[in-house]
Amino acid sequence: MPEQTNKQLLDAQQAIDEKWMNYALSLADKAELQDEIPVGAVLVKDEKVVAEGWNLSILNHDACAHAEIMAIREAGKKIQNYRLIDCTLYVTLEPCPMCAGALVHARIKRLVYGAGDYKTGAAGSVYNLVRCEKSNHQIEVTTDILSEQCATKISNFFKRRRKEKKALKKQQCTISSSAQ
């Protein structure tokens, strides 16, 4: 009987995680509409949205305007505290070292991410800053929630961007050739 209860709890948590990851994916869509890399993040406490964010680095000319940072900044202002105790951050892409550091400093309790980042991921893929025993705070991590949808969204964005750049380059070559 206890096994059944444990499985039910895990299934219930999975359903909650998928619900919030779908929300984060909708925020990633907002980023893409602004021609930003489609990453979305939502900060949740007691099943309520505390704050949300999406990438704004390109639009804001700000290397620090990642989805996670935007959500953390909004939450801090909203609750008037930089410590976001008992909050869970759902983000479509594994945090980079900058964002992982911010999550630790904000005392985020739990991190849930969709797609792993195998170039700069700092929550287990390349680095593991959120679980570093030398830090004064470690974060509980759940990975691969709706990972295929999250990875596909980012992958399709970069495929489209490469195609657009190639077409622009071809157009510029054509204009250059006809001007001579």
N, C-alpha and C. Protein backbone atom coordinates (compact mmCIF):
# COMPACT_ATOMS: atom_id res chain seq x y z
N MET A 1 0.82 -1.21 0.00
CA MET A 1 0.00 0.00 0.00
C MET A 1 0.86 1.27 0.00
N PRO A 2 1.93 1.37 0.83
CA PRO A 2 2.75 2.58 0.81
C PRO A 2 3.36 2.86 -0.56
N GLU A 3 3.73 1.81 -1.31
CA GLU A 3 4.26 1.99 -2.67
C GLU A 3 3.24 2.68 -3.56
N GLN A 4 2.01 2.27 -3.47
CA GLN A 4 0.93 2.88 -4.26
C GLN A 4 0.81 4.37 -3.93
N THR A 5 0.85 4.68 -2.65
CA THR A 5 0.74 6.07 -2.21
C THR A 5 1.92 6.88 -2.72
N ASN A 6 3.13 6.32 -2.64
CA ASN A 6 4.32 7.00 -3.14
C ASN A 6 4.22 7.26 -4.64
N LYS A 7 3.74 6.25 -5.39
CA LYS A 7 3.58 6.41 -6.84
C LYS A 7 2.53 7.48 -7.14
N GLN A 8 1.46 7.52 -6.39
CA GLN A 8 0.43 8.54 -6.58
C GLN A 8 0.99 9.93 -6.32
N LEU A 9 1.84 10.05 -5.29
CA LEU A 9 2.46 11.34 -5.00
C LEU A 9 3.38 11.77 -6.13
N LEU A 10 4.16 10.83 -6.64
CA LEU A 10 5.07 11.13 -7.76
C LEU A 10 4.29 11.53 -9.01
N ASP A 11 3.20 10.81 -9.28
CA ASP A 11 2.36 11.14 -10.44
C ASP A 11 1.73 12.52 -10.28
N ALA A 12 1.28 12.83 -9.07
CA ALA A 12 0.68 14.14 -8.82
C ALA A 12 1.71 15.24 -9.00
N GLN A 13 2.95 15.02 -8.51
CA GLN A 13 4.01 16.02 -8.67
C GLN A 13 4.36 16.19 -10.15
N GLN A 14 4.39 15.09 -10.89
CA GLN A 14 4.67 15.13 -12.33
C GLN A 14 3.62 15.99 -13.04
N ALA A 15 2.37 15.81 -12.68
CA ALA A 15 1.29 16.58 -13.30
C ALA A 15 1.42 18.07 -12.98
N ILE A 16 1.78 18.38 -11.74
CA ILE A 16 1.99 19.79 -11.34
C ILE A 16 3.16 20.38 -12.12
N ASP A 17 4.27 19.62 -12.20
CA ASP A 17 5.45 20.10 -12.92
C ASP A 17 5.14 20.34 -14.40
N GLU A 18 4.38 19.45 -15.01
CA GLU A 18 4.02 19.62 -16.42
C GLU A 18 3.11 20.84 -16.61
N LYS A 19 2.20 21.05 -15.69
CA LYS A 19 1.31 22.23 -15.76
C LYS A 19 2.14 23.52 -15.80
N TRP A 20 3.09 23.64 -14.86
CA TRP A 20 3.88 24.87 -14.78
C TRP A 20 4.90 24.97 -15.91
N MET A 21 5.38 23.82 -16.39
CA MET A 21 6.31 23.88 -17.53
C MET A 21 5.57 24.33 -18.79
N ASN A 22 4.32 23.93 -18.93
CA ASN A 22 3.52 24.43 -20.05
C ASN A 22 3.36 25.95 -19.95
N TYR A 23 3.20 26.44 -18.74
CA TYR A 23 3.11 27.88 -18.52
C TYR A 23 4.42 28.54 -18.93
N ALA A 24 5.55 27.95 -18.52
CA ALA A 24 6.87 28.49 -18.91
C ALA A 24 7.05 28.46 -20.43
N LEU A 25 6.54 27.42 -21.08
CA LEU A 25 6.61 27.36 -22.55
C LEU A 25 5.81 28.50 -23.18
N SER A 26 4.69 28.85 -22.58
CA SER A 26 3.90 29.98 -23.12
C SER A 26 4.67 31.29 -22.96
N LEU A 27 5.48 31.40 -21.91
CA LEU A 27 6.32 32.59 -21.73
C LEU A 27 7.46 32.59 -22.74
N ALA A 28 7.96 31.41 -23.08
CA ALA A 28 8.99 31.31 -24.12
C ALA A 28 8.43 31.81 -25.46
N ASP A 29 7.16 31.56 -25.70
CA ASP A 29 6.51 32.07 -26.91
C ASP A 29 6.53 33.60 -26.93
N LYS A 30 6.36 34.22 -25.78
CA LYS A 30 6.41 35.69 -25.69
C LYS A 30 7.81 36.18 -26.08
N ALA A 31 8.83 35.47 -25.64
CA ALA A 31 10.20 35.84 -26.01
C ALA A 31 10.38 35.74 -27.52
N GLU A 32 9.92 34.65 -28.09
CA GLU A 32 10.09 34.44 -29.53
C GLU A 32 9.35 35.50 -30.35
N LEU A 33 8.20 35.92 -29.88
CA LEU A 33 7.46 36.98 -30.57
C LEU A 33 8.24 38.29 -30.62
N GLN A 34 9.18 38.44 -29.67
CA GLN A 34 10.03 39.63 -29.63
C GLN A 34 11.39 39.35 -30.25
N ASP A 35 11.50 38.24 -30.99
CA ASP A 35 12.71 37.80 -31.67
C ASP A 35 13.85 37.51 -30.69
N GLU A 36 13.47 37.07 -29.50
CA GLU A 36 14.42 36.65 -28.47
C GLU A 36 14.54 35.14 -28.49
N ILE A 37 15.61 34.62 -27.92
CA ILE A 37 15.74 33.18 -27.76
C ILE A 37 14.59 32.72 -26.86
N PRO A 38 13.80 31.75 -27.32
CA PRO A 38 12.57 31.38 -26.61
C PRO A 38 12.81 30.55 -25.34
N VAL A 39 13.07 31.28 -24.27
CA VAL A 39 13.19 30.66 -22.95
C VAL A 39 12.23 31.38 -22.03
N GLY A 40 11.45 30.61 -21.28
CA GLY A 40 10.50 31.18 -20.34
C GLY A 40 10.71 30.61 -18.96
N ALA A 41 10.38 31.42 -17.94
CA ALA A 41 10.54 30.98 -16.54
C ALA A 41 9.38 31.50 -15.72
N VAL A 42 8.91 30.66 -14.82
CA VAL A 42 7.85 31.06 -13.89
C VAL A 42 8.24 30.61 -12.49
N LEU A 43 8.10 31.52 -11.55
CA LEU A 43 8.43 31.27 -10.15
C LEU A 43 7.11 31.03 -9.42
N VAL A 44 7.02 29.91 -8.73
CA VAL A 44 5.77 29.48 -8.10
C VAL A 44 5.99 29.21 -6.62
N LYS A 45 5.00 29.61 -5.82
CA LYS A 45 5.00 29.28 -4.39
C LYS A 45 3.57 28.95 -3.99
N ASP A 46 3.40 27.85 -3.32
CA ASP A 46 2.06 27.41 -2.89
C ASP A 46 1.07 27.38 -4.06
N GLU A 47 1.54 26.86 -5.20
CA GLU A 47 0.72 26.70 -6.41
C GLU A 47 0.20 28.03 -6.97
N LYS A 48 0.89 29.12 -6.66
CA LYS A 48 0.52 30.44 -7.20
C LYS A 48 1.74 31.06 -7.86
N VAL A 49 1.51 31.79 -8.94
CA VAL A 49 2.59 32.48 -9.63
C VAL A 49 3.07 33.65 -8.77
N VAL A 50 4.35 33.65 -8.47
CA VAL A 50 4.97 34.76 -7.75
C VAL A 50 5.49 35.76 -8.78
N ALA A 51 6.12 35.24 -9.85
CA ALA A 51 6.68 36.10 -10.89
C ALA A 51 6.94 35.26 -12.13
N GLU A 52 7.15 35.95 -13.23
CA GLU A 52 7.45 35.27 -14.48
C GLU A 52 8.46 36.09 -15.26
N GLY A 53 9.10 35.43 -16.22
CA GLY A 53 10.05 36.14 -17.06
C GLY A 53 10.33 35.36 -18.33
N TRP A 54 10.87 36.06 -19.29
CA TRP A 54 11.32 35.44 -20.53
C TRP A 54 12.54 36.22 -21.00
N ASN A 55 13.30 35.61 -21.88
CA ASN A 55 14.54 36.25 -22.33
C ASN A 55 14.26 37.61 -22.94
N LEU A 56 15.06 38.59 -22.53
CA LEU A 56 14.98 39.95 -23.07
C LEU A 56 16.36 40.54 -23.33
N SER A 57 17.37 39.69 -23.41
CA SER A 57 18.75 40.16 -23.59
C SER A 57 18.94 40.96 -24.86
N ILE A 58 18.39 40.52 -25.97
CA ILE A 58 18.56 41.19 -27.26
C ILE A 58 17.82 42.52 -27.25
N LEU A 59 16.57 42.50 -26.87
CA LEU A 59 15.73 43.70 -26.87
C LEU A 59 16.26 44.75 -25.89
N ASN A 60 16.69 44.32 -24.71
CA ASN A 60 17.15 45.25 -23.68
C ASN A 60 18.65 45.55 -23.75
N HIS A 61 19.35 44.91 -24.69
CA HIS A 61 20.81 45.08 -24.78
C HIS A 61 21.44 44.80 -23.42
N ASP A 62 21.04 43.67 -22.83
CA ASP A 62 21.44 43.34 -21.47
C ASP A 62 21.76 41.85 -21.39
N ALA A 63 23.04 41.54 -21.26
CA ALA A 63 23.47 40.14 -21.19
C ALA A 63 22.88 39.40 -19.99
N CYS A 64 22.42 40.15 -19.00
CA CYS A 64 21.87 39.53 -17.79
C CYS A 64 20.35 39.34 -17.85
N ALA A 65 19.70 39.75 -18.91
CA ALA A 65 18.24 39.70 -18.99
C ALA A 65 17.73 38.33 -19.44
N HIS A 66 18.22 37.27 -18.78
CA HIS A 66 17.73 35.93 -19.05
C HIS A 66 16.39 35.74 -18.35
N ALA A 67 15.63 34.77 -18.79
CA ALA A 67 14.29 34.51 -18.26
C ALA A 67 14.31 34.35 -16.74
N GLU A 68 15.27 33.58 -16.24
CA GLU A 68 15.34 33.32 -14.80
C GLU A 68 15.59 34.61 -14.02
N ILE A 69 16.51 35.42 -14.52
CA ILE A 69 16.86 36.68 -13.85
C ILE A 69 15.66 37.62 -13.85
N MET A 70 14.95 37.68 -14.97
CA MET A 70 13.78 38.54 -15.06
C MET A 70 12.73 38.12 -14.02
N ALA A 71 12.53 36.81 -13.87
CA ALA A 71 11.56 36.31 -12.88
C ALA A 71 12.02 36.61 -11.46
N ILE A 72 13.30 36.39 -11.18
CA ILE A 72 13.84 36.65 -9.84
C ILE A 72 13.73 38.13 -9.49
N ARG A 73 14.05 39.00 -10.45
CA ARG A 73 13.95 40.45 -10.20
C ARG A 73 12.51 40.85 -9.88
N GLU A 74 11.57 40.34 -10.68
CA GLU A 74 10.16 40.68 -10.46
C GLU A 74 9.68 40.17 -9.11
N ALA A 75 10.08 38.95 -8.75
CA ALA A 75 9.66 38.36 -7.48
C ALA A 75 10.20 39.16 -6.30
N GLY A 76 11.47 39.54 -6.36
CA GLY A 76 12.07 40.31 -5.28
C GLY A 76 11.34 41.62 -5.03
N LYS A 77 11.00 42.30 -6.13
CA LYS A 77 10.26 43.56 -6.01
C LYS A 77 8.86 43.31 -5.44
N LYS A 78 8.23 42.25 -5.92
CA LYS A 78 6.86 41.95 -5.51
C LYS A 78 6.76 41.61 -4.03
N ILE A 79 7.68 40.76 -3.55
CA ILE A 79 7.59 40.34 -2.15
C ILE A 79 8.49 41.16 -1.22
N GLN A 80 9.23 42.10 -1.82
CA GLN A 80 10.11 42.99 -1.05
C GLN A 80 11.17 42.21 -0.27
N ASN A 81 11.75 41.21 -0.94
CA ASN A 81 12.81 40.43 -0.33
C ASN A 81 13.57 39.73 -1.44
N TYR A 82 14.89 39.72 -1.36
CA TYR A 82 15.68 39.02 -2.39
C TYR A 82 15.72 37.52 -2.14
N ARG A 83 15.34 37.10 -0.97
CA ARG A 83 15.30 35.68 -0.67
C ARG A 83 13.92 35.13 -1.01
N LEU A 84 13.93 34.17 -1.89
CA LEU A 84 12.67 33.61 -2.40
C LEU A 84 12.47 32.21 -1.82
N ILE A 85 12.38 32.18 -0.51
CA ILE A 85 12.27 30.94 0.25
C ILE A 85 11.02 30.15 -0.16
N ASP A 86 11.17 28.85 -0.28
CA ASP A 86 10.08 27.92 -0.60
C ASP A 86 9.47 28.13 -1.98
N CYS A 87 10.20 28.76 -2.88
CA CYS A 87 9.72 28.94 -4.26
C CYS A 87 10.33 27.88 -5.17
N THR A 88 9.58 27.55 -6.20
CA THR A 88 10.06 26.65 -7.26
C THR A 88 10.14 27.46 -8.54
N LEU A 89 11.27 27.33 -9.24
CA LEU A 89 11.42 27.97 -10.54
C LEU A 89 11.29 26.93 -11.63
N TYR A 90 10.36 27.16 -12.54
CA TYR A 90 10.19 26.32 -13.72
C TYR A 90 10.76 27.09 -14.89
N VAL A 91 11.70 26.48 -15.62
CA VAL A 91 12.32 27.16 -16.75
C VAL A 91 12.50 26.15 -17.88
N THR A 92 12.31 26.62 -19.10
CA THR A 92 12.32 25.73 -20.25
C THR A 92 13.71 25.23 -20.63
N LEU A 93 14.77 25.95 -20.22
CA LEU A 93 16.14 25.55 -20.54
C LEU A 93 16.97 25.57 -19.26
N GLU A 94 17.82 24.60 -19.11
CA GLU A 94 18.70 24.53 -17.94
C GLU A 94 19.44 25.85 -17.75
N PRO A 95 19.48 26.36 -16.54
CA PRO A 95 20.14 27.64 -16.28
C PRO A 95 21.64 27.63 -16.58
N CYS A 96 22.13 28.77 -17.04
CA CYS A 96 23.55 29.00 -17.26
C CYS A 96 24.22 29.28 -15.91
N PRO A 97 25.54 29.42 -15.86
CA PRO A 97 26.20 29.71 -14.58
C PRO A 97 25.71 30.99 -13.90
N MET A 98 25.47 32.05 -14.67
CA MET A 98 24.98 33.29 -14.08
C MET A 98 23.63 33.07 -13.39
N CYS A 99 22.73 32.43 -14.09
CA CYS A 99 21.39 32.21 -13.54
C CYS A 99 21.41 31.22 -12.38
N ALA A 100 22.24 30.19 -12.49
CA ALA A 100 22.36 29.21 -11.40
C ALA A 100 22.85 29.90 -10.13
N GLY A 101 23.83 30.80 -10.27
CA GLY A 101 24.32 31.55 -9.12
C GLY A 101 23.24 32.41 -8.51
N ALA A 102 22.45 33.05 -9.36
CA ALA A 102 21.35 33.89 -8.86
C ALA A 102 20.31 33.05 -8.12
N LEU A 103 20.04 31.86 -8.62
CA LEU A 103 19.07 30.97 -7.97
C LEU A 103 19.56 30.57 -6.58
N VAL A 104 20.85 30.29 -6.46
CA VAL A 104 21.42 29.93 -5.16
C VAL A 104 21.32 31.12 -4.21
N HIS A 105 21.72 32.30 -4.68
CA HIS A 105 21.68 33.50 -3.82
C HIS A 105 20.25 33.86 -3.41
N ALA A 106 19.29 33.58 -4.29
CA ALA A 106 17.88 33.88 -3.98
C ALA A 106 17.25 32.82 -3.07
N ARG A 107 17.99 31.75 -2.82
CA ARG A 107 17.53 30.66 -1.95
C ARG A 107 16.30 29.94 -2.51
N ILE A 108 16.26 29.82 -3.84
CA ILE A 108 15.20 29.05 -4.48
C ILE A 108 15.24 27.63 -3.90
N LYS A 109 14.09 27.10 -3.55
CA LYS A 109 14.05 25.75 -2.96
C LYS A 109 14.21 24.67 -4.02
N ARG A 110 13.52 24.88 -5.16
CA ARG A 110 13.47 23.82 -6.16
C ARG A 110 13.55 24.41 -7.56
N LEU A 111 14.30 23.74 -8.41
CA LEU A 111 14.44 24.11 -9.82
C LEU A 111 13.91 22.98 -10.67
N VAL A 112 13.04 23.30 -11.61
CA VAL A 112 12.52 22.32 -12.55
C VAL A 112 12.79 22.87 -13.94
N TYR A 113 13.53 22.11 -14.75
CA TYR A 113 13.79 22.59 -16.11
C TYR A 113 13.46 21.54 -17.15
N GLY A 114 13.22 22.04 -18.36
CA GLY A 114 12.84 21.17 -19.47
C GLY A 114 14.05 20.61 -20.19
N ALA A 115 14.64 21.40 -21.06
CA ALA A 115 15.76 20.95 -21.89
C ALA A 115 17.09 21.19 -21.19
N GLY A 116 17.97 20.21 -21.29
CA GLY A 116 19.33 20.39 -20.79
C GLY A 116 20.12 21.27 -21.74
N ASP A 117 21.09 21.99 -21.20
CA ASP A 117 21.98 22.83 -22.02
C ASP A 117 23.36 22.21 -21.93
N TYR A 118 23.76 21.51 -22.99
CA TYR A 118 24.98 20.73 -22.97
C TYR A 118 26.22 21.54 -23.36
N LYS A 119 26.06 22.85 -23.44
CA LYS A 119 27.20 23.74 -23.67
C LYS A 119 27.50 24.58 -22.43
N THR A 120 26.44 25.11 -21.81
CA THR A 120 26.66 26.01 -20.67
C THR A 120 25.77 25.70 -19.47
N GLY A 121 25.12 24.57 -19.46
CA GLY A 121 24.22 24.24 -18.36
C GLY A 121 24.93 24.15 -17.02
N ALA A 122 24.33 24.76 -16.00
CA ALA A 122 24.96 24.80 -14.67
C ALA A 122 24.10 24.17 -13.59
N ALA A 123 23.21 23.26 -14.01
CA ALA A 123 22.39 22.54 -13.03
C ALA A 123 22.54 21.03 -13.24
N GLY A 124 23.73 20.63 -13.71
CA GLY A 124 24.01 19.21 -13.84
C GLY A 124 24.58 18.77 -15.17
N SER A 125 24.29 19.47 -16.27
CA SER A 125 24.77 19.02 -17.58
C SER A 125 26.26 19.24 -17.78
N VAL A 126 26.72 20.47 -17.58
CA VAL A 126 28.14 20.80 -17.72
C VAL A 126 28.74 21.09 -16.35
N TYR A 127 28.07 21.95 -15.62
CA TYR A 127 28.45 22.30 -14.25
C TYR A 127 27.29 21.92 -13.34
N ASN A 128 27.54 21.97 -12.04
CA ASN A 128 26.43 21.74 -11.12
C ASN A 128 26.51 22.75 -9.97
N LEU A 129 26.33 24.00 -10.31
CA LEU A 129 26.43 25.07 -9.32
C LEU A 129 25.28 25.08 -8.33
N VAL A 130 24.14 24.56 -8.71
CA VAL A 130 22.97 24.59 -7.82
C VAL A 130 23.02 23.51 -6.74
N ARG A 131 23.91 22.55 -6.89
CA ARG A 131 24.03 21.46 -5.91
C ARG A 131 25.43 21.40 -5.30
N CYS A 132 26.22 22.45 -5.47
CA CYS A 132 27.59 22.48 -5.00
C CYS A 132 27.63 22.46 -3.47
N GLU A 133 28.31 21.47 -2.92
CA GLU A 133 28.37 21.31 -1.46
C GLU A 133 29.14 22.44 -0.79
N LYS A 134 29.97 23.15 -1.53
CA LYS A 134 30.73 24.27 -0.96
C LYS A 134 29.86 25.52 -0.78
N SER A 135 28.73 25.55 -1.44
CA SER A 135 27.82 26.69 -1.32
C SER A 135 27.02 26.59 -0.03
N ASN A 136 26.49 27.72 0.40
CA ASN A 136 25.69 27.73 1.63
C ASN A 136 24.25 27.29 1.37
N HIS A 137 23.89 27.06 0.11
CA HIS A 137 22.52 26.64 -0.22
C HIS A 137 22.57 25.72 -1.43
N GLN A 138 21.86 24.62 -1.37
CA GLN A 138 21.72 23.72 -2.50
C GLN A 138 20.25 23.65 -2.89
N ILE A 139 20.04 23.48 -4.16
CA ILE A 139 18.68 23.49 -4.71
C ILE A 139 18.29 22.09 -5.15
N GLU A 140 17.08 21.70 -4.82
CA GLU A 140 16.52 20.45 -5.31
C GLU A 140 16.24 20.62 -6.80
N VAL A 141 16.64 19.65 -7.62
CA VAL A 141 16.51 19.79 -9.07
C VAL A 141 15.70 18.64 -9.65
N THR A 142 14.77 18.99 -10.54
CA THR A 142 14.03 18.01 -11.33
C THR A 142 14.26 18.38 -12.79
N THR A 143 14.67 17.39 -13.58
CA THR A 143 15.01 17.64 -14.98
C THR A 143 14.04 16.95 -15.94
N ASP A 144 14.16 17.33 -17.19
CA ASP A 144 13.48 16.66 -18.30
C ASP A 144 11.95 16.73 -18.26
N ILE A 145 11.42 17.78 -17.69
CA ILE A 145 9.96 17.95 -17.72
C ILE A 145 9.60 18.61 -19.05
N LEU A 146 8.83 17.90 -19.86
CA LEU A 146 8.47 18.34 -21.22
C LEU A 146 9.72 18.72 -22.01
N SER A 147 10.78 17.95 -21.81
CA SER A 147 12.08 18.28 -22.40
C SER A 147 12.04 18.32 -23.93
N GLU A 148 11.29 17.43 -24.53
CA GLU A 148 11.24 17.39 -26.00
C GLU A 148 10.61 18.68 -26.54
N GLN A 149 9.51 19.12 -25.95
CA GLN A 149 8.87 20.36 -26.41
C GLN A 149 9.79 21.56 -26.19
N CYS A 150 10.46 21.60 -25.06
CA CYS A 150 11.36 22.71 -24.74
C CYS A 150 12.54 22.75 -25.71
N ALA A 151 13.15 21.60 -25.93
CA ALA A 151 14.31 21.52 -26.84
C ALA A 151 13.90 21.84 -28.27
N THR A 152 12.75 21.35 -28.70
CA THR A 152 12.28 21.60 -30.06
C THR A 152 12.03 23.09 -30.28
N LYS A 153 11.46 23.76 -29.30
CA LYS A 153 11.18 25.20 -29.42
C LYS A 153 12.48 25.97 -29.66
N ILE A 154 13.50 25.69 -28.89
CA ILE A 154 14.78 26.40 -29.04
C ILE A 154 15.47 26.00 -30.34
N SER A 155 15.46 24.73 -30.64
CA SER A 155 16.10 24.23 -31.86
C SER A 155 15.45 24.84 -33.11
N ASN A 156 14.13 24.87 -33.15
CA ASN A 156 13.43 25.47 -34.29
C ASN A 156 13.73 26.95 -34.43
N PHE A 157 13.85 27.63 -33.32
CA PHE A 157 14.19 29.06 -33.34
C PHE A 157 15.55 29.27 -34.01
N PHE A 158 16.56 28.50 -33.61
CA PHE A 158 17.89 28.69 -34.19
C PHE A 158 17.95 28.24 -35.64
N LYS A 159 17.19 27.22 -36.01
CA LYS A 159 17.12 26.81 -37.42
C LYS A 159 16.54 27.94 -38.26
N ARG A 160 15.47 28.55 -37.76
CA ARG A 160 14.85 29.67 -38.47
C ARG A 160 15.81 30.84 -38.58
N ARG A 161 16.51 31.16 -37.49
CA ARG A 161 17.46 32.28 -37.50
C ARG A 161 18.58 32.04 -38.51
N ARG A 162 19.12 30.81 -38.56
CA ARG A 162 20.18 30.50 -39.52
C ARG A 162 19.66 30.64 -40.95
N LYS A 163 18.45 30.18 -41.18
CA LYS A 163 17.84 30.27 -42.51
C LYS A 163 17.65 31.74 -42.91
N GLU A 164 17.18 32.55 -41.97
CA GLU A 164 16.98 33.98 -42.24
C GLU A 164 18.31 34.68 -42.53
N LYS A 165 19.35 34.36 -41.78
CA LYS A 165 20.66 34.97 -42.01
C LYS A 165 21.23 34.57 -43.36
N LYS A 166 21.04 33.30 -43.72
CA LYS A 166 21.51 32.81 -45.02
C LYS A 166 20.78 33.54 -46.15
N ALA A 167 19.47 33.70 -46.02
CA ALA A 167 18.68 34.41 -47.05
C ALA A 167 19.10 35.87 -47.15
N LEU A 168 19.36 36.50 -46.02
CA LEU A 168 19.80 37.90 -46.01
C LEU A 168 21.16 38.04 -46.68
N LYS A 169 22.05 37.13 -46.39
CA LYS A 169 23.39 37.16 -47.00
C LYS A 169 23.28 36.98 -48.52
N LYS A 170 22.42 36.05 -48.94
CA LYS A 170 22.21 35.80 -50.37
C LYS A 170 21.64 37.05 -51.03
N GLN A 171 20.69 37.69 -50.36
CA GLN A 171 20.08 38.92 -50.88
C GLN A 171 21.12 40.03 -51.00
N GLN A 172 21.98 40.16 -50.02
CA GLN A 172 23.01 41.18 -50.06
C GLN A 172 24.01 40.93 -51.18
N CYS A 173 24.34 39.67 -51.42
CA CYS A 173 25.23 39.31 -52.52
C CYS A 173 24.60 39.65 -53.86
N THR A 174 23.30 39.38 -53.99
CA THR A 174 22.57 39.68 -55.23
C THR A 174 22.54 41.18 -55.48
N ILE A 175 22.26 41.95 -54.44
CA ILE A 175 22.22 43.41 -54.56
C ILE A 175 23.60 43.94 -54.92
N SER A 176 24.61 43.40 -54.29
CA SER A 176 25.99 43.81 -54.52
C SER A 176 26.41 43.51 -55.97
N SER A 177 26.03 42.33 -56.47
CA SER A 177 26.38 41.94 -57.84
C SER A 177 25.66 42.80 -58.87
N SER A 178 24.40 43.13 -58.63
CA SER A 178 23.63 43.92 -59.60
C SER A 178 24.06 45.39 -59.60
N ALA A 179 24.66 45.86 -58.50
CA ALA A 179 25.11 47.26 -58.41
C ALA A 179 26.40 47.46 -59.20
N GLN A 180 27.11 46.38 -59.49
CA GLN A 180 28.39 46.52 -60.22
C GLN A 180 28.17 46.52 -61.66
